[in-house]
C-alpha cells in the first residue's frame, strides 16, 4: 500500500519522498481520471514496474490517494 498526496496541474511531473510521506505533482488535469493515470504512470516508472501493476484503490476524487502495486 502506498499513500500519495497529489497535486494536479503542476508545472512538471515529479515524485517526492520527504519525512516519510510521498507526494506527486503531475501536469494532468483532474478530469476523467487523467491525473490518477498520470500518477500511476509516475509511480510505475519510479518503481520500475509496468503501469498496469499500479492500481488505485482509494481516493479517486481526493488529493490523498492509496495505490497498490500488484504482483505479477
C-alpha atoms as a PDB file:
ATOM      1  CA  UNK A   1       0.000   0.000   0.000  1.00  0.00           C
ATOM      2  CA  UNK A   2       1.357   3.391  -0.958  1.00  0.00           C
ATOM      3  CA  UNK A   3      -0.289   6.624   0.204  1.00  0.00           C
ATOM      4  CA  UNK A   4       0.344   9.586  -2.089  1.00  0.00           C
ATOM      5  CA  UNK A   5      -0.679  13.239  -1.858  1.00  0.00           C
ATOM      6  CA  UNK A   6      -1.338  14.503  -5.382  1.00  0.00           C
ATOM      7  CA  UNK A   7      -1.116  17.975  -6.881  1.00  0.00           C
ATOM      8  CA  UNK A   8      -2.640  18.116 -10.374  1.00  0.00           C
ATOM      9  CA  UNK A   9      -1.984  20.880 -12.936  1.00  0.00           C
ATOM     10  CA  UNK A  10       1.636  21.214 -11.809  1.00  0.00           C
ATOM     11  CA  UNK A  11       4.337  22.742 -13.972  1.00  0.00           C
ATOM     12  CA  UNK A  12       6.107  19.350 -14.244  1.00  0.00           C
ATOM     13  CA  UNK A  13       5.701  15.715 -13.252  1.00  0.00           C
ATOM     14  CA  UNK A  14       7.609  14.781 -10.103  1.00  0.00           C
ATOM     15  CA  UNK A  15       7.514  12.236  -7.320  1.00  0.00           C
ATOM     16  CA  UNK A  16       8.921  13.266  -3.944  1.00  0.00           C
ATOM     17  CA  UNK A  17       9.510  11.484  -0.653  1.00  0.00           C
ATOM     18  CA  UNK A  18      10.022  13.697   2.390  1.00  0.00           C
ATOM     19  CA  UNK A  19       9.538  12.983   6.084  1.00  0.00           C
ATOM     20  CA  UNK A  20       8.148   9.547   5.280  1.00  0.00           C
ATOM     21  CA  UNK A  21       5.392  10.919   3.032  1.00  0.00           C
ATOM     22  CA  UNK A  22       5.086  10.531  -0.736  1.00  0.00           C
ATOM     23  CA  UNK A  23       3.822  13.402  -2.866  1.00  0.00           C
ATOM     24  CA  UNK A  24       3.259  13.547  -6.597  1.00  0.00           C
ATOM     25  CA  UNK A  25       2.957  16.555  -8.878  1.00  0.00           C
ATOM     26  CA  UNK A  26       1.508  15.915 -12.319  1.00  0.00           C
ATOM     27  CA  UNK A  27       0.732  18.163 -15.266  1.00  0.00           C
ATOM     28  CA  UNK A  28      -2.504  16.320 -15.996  1.00  0.00           C
ATOM     29  CA  UNK A  29      -5.843  17.872 -15.114  1.00  0.00           C
ATOM     30  CA  UNK A  30      -8.104  16.156 -12.583  1.00  0.00           C
ATOM     31  CA  UNK A  31     -10.776  15.278 -15.142  1.00  0.00           C
ATOM     32  CA  UNK A  32     -11.918  11.838 -16.304  1.00  0.00           C
ATOM     33  CA  UNK A  33      -9.173  10.109 -14.290  1.00  0.00           C
ATOM     34  CA  UNK A  34      -6.332  11.763 -16.213  1.00  0.00           C
ATOM     35  CA  UNK A  35      -4.427  12.885 -13.118  1.00  0.00           C
ATOM     36  CA  UNK A  36      -4.883   9.470 -11.475  1.00  0.00           C
ATOM     37  CA  UNK A  37      -3.491   7.739 -14.558  1.00  0.00           C
ATOM     38  CA  UNK A  38      -0.556  10.158 -14.664  1.00  0.00           C
ATOM     39  CA  UNK A  39       0.278   9.481 -11.012  1.00  0.00           C
ATOM     40  CA  UNK A  40       0.056   5.714 -11.552  1.00  0.00           C
ATOM     41  CA  UNK A  41       2.419   6.008 -14.528  1.00  0.00           C
ATOM     42  CA  UNK A  42       4.826   8.146 -12.495  1.00  0.00           C
ATOM     43  CA  UNK A  43       4.867   5.600  -9.661  1.00  0.00           C
ATOM     44  CA  UNK A  44       5.353   2.728 -12.118  1.00  0.00           C
ATOM     45  CA  UNK A  45       8.288   4.462 -13.785  1.00  0.00           C
ATOM     46  CA  UNK A  46       9.905   5.243 -10.413  1.00  0.00           C
ATOM     47  CA  UNK A  47       9.495   1.650  -9.207  1.00  0.00           C
ATOM     48  CA  UNK A  48      10.462   0.023 -12.490  1.00  0.00           C
ATOM     49  CA  UNK A  49       7.194  -1.875 -12.941  1.00  0.00           C
ATOM     50  CA  UNK A  50       4.526  -1.948 -15.647  1.00  0.00           C
ATOM     51  CA  UNK A  51       1.827   0.737 -15.443  1.00  0.00           C
ATOM     52  CA  UNK A  52      -0.822  -1.956 -15.224  1.00  0.00           C
ATOM     53  CA  UNK A  53       0.607  -3.195 -11.935  1.00  0.00           C
ATOM     54  CA  UNK A  54      -0.059   0.117 -10.148  1.00  0.00           C
ATOM     55  CA  UNK A  55      -3.693   0.064  -9.030  1.00  0.00           C
ATOM     56  CA  UNK A  56      -5.577   2.965  -7.442  1.00  0.00           C
ATOM     57  CA  UNK A  57      -7.594   1.518  -4.577  1.00  0.00           C
ATOM     58  CA  UNK A  58      -8.824   4.613  -2.751  1.00  0.00           C
ATOM     59  CA  UNK A  59      -9.118   8.363  -3.302  1.00  0.00           C
ATOM     60  CA  UNK A  60     -10.388   8.531  -6.871  1.00  0.00           C
ATOM     61  CA  UNK A  61     -11.620  12.113  -6.341  1.00  0.00           C
ATOM     62  CA  UNK A  62      -9.372  13.115  -3.440  1.00  0.00           C
ATOM     63  CA  UNK A  63      -5.877  14.571  -3.319  1.00  0.00           C
ATOM     64  CA  UNK A  64      -4.871  11.795  -0.921  1.00  0.00           C
ATOM     65  CA  UNK A  65      -4.770   8.506  -2.802  1.00  0.00           C
ATOM     66  CA  UNK A  66      -3.786   4.946  -1.982  1.00  0.00           C
ATOM     67  CA  UNK A  67      -2.152   2.740  -4.573  1.00  0.00           C
ATOM     68  CA  UNK A  68      -1.335  -0.959  -4.537  1.00  0.00           C
ATOM     69  CA  UNK A  69       1.490  -2.484  -6.559  1.00  0.00           C
ATOM     70  CA  UNK A  70       0.117  -5.783  -7.865  1.00  0.00           C
ATOM     71  CA  UNK A  71       2.331  -8.847  -8.076  1.00  0.00           C
ATOM     72  CA  UNK A  72       2.748 -10.229 -11.481  1.00  0.00           C
END
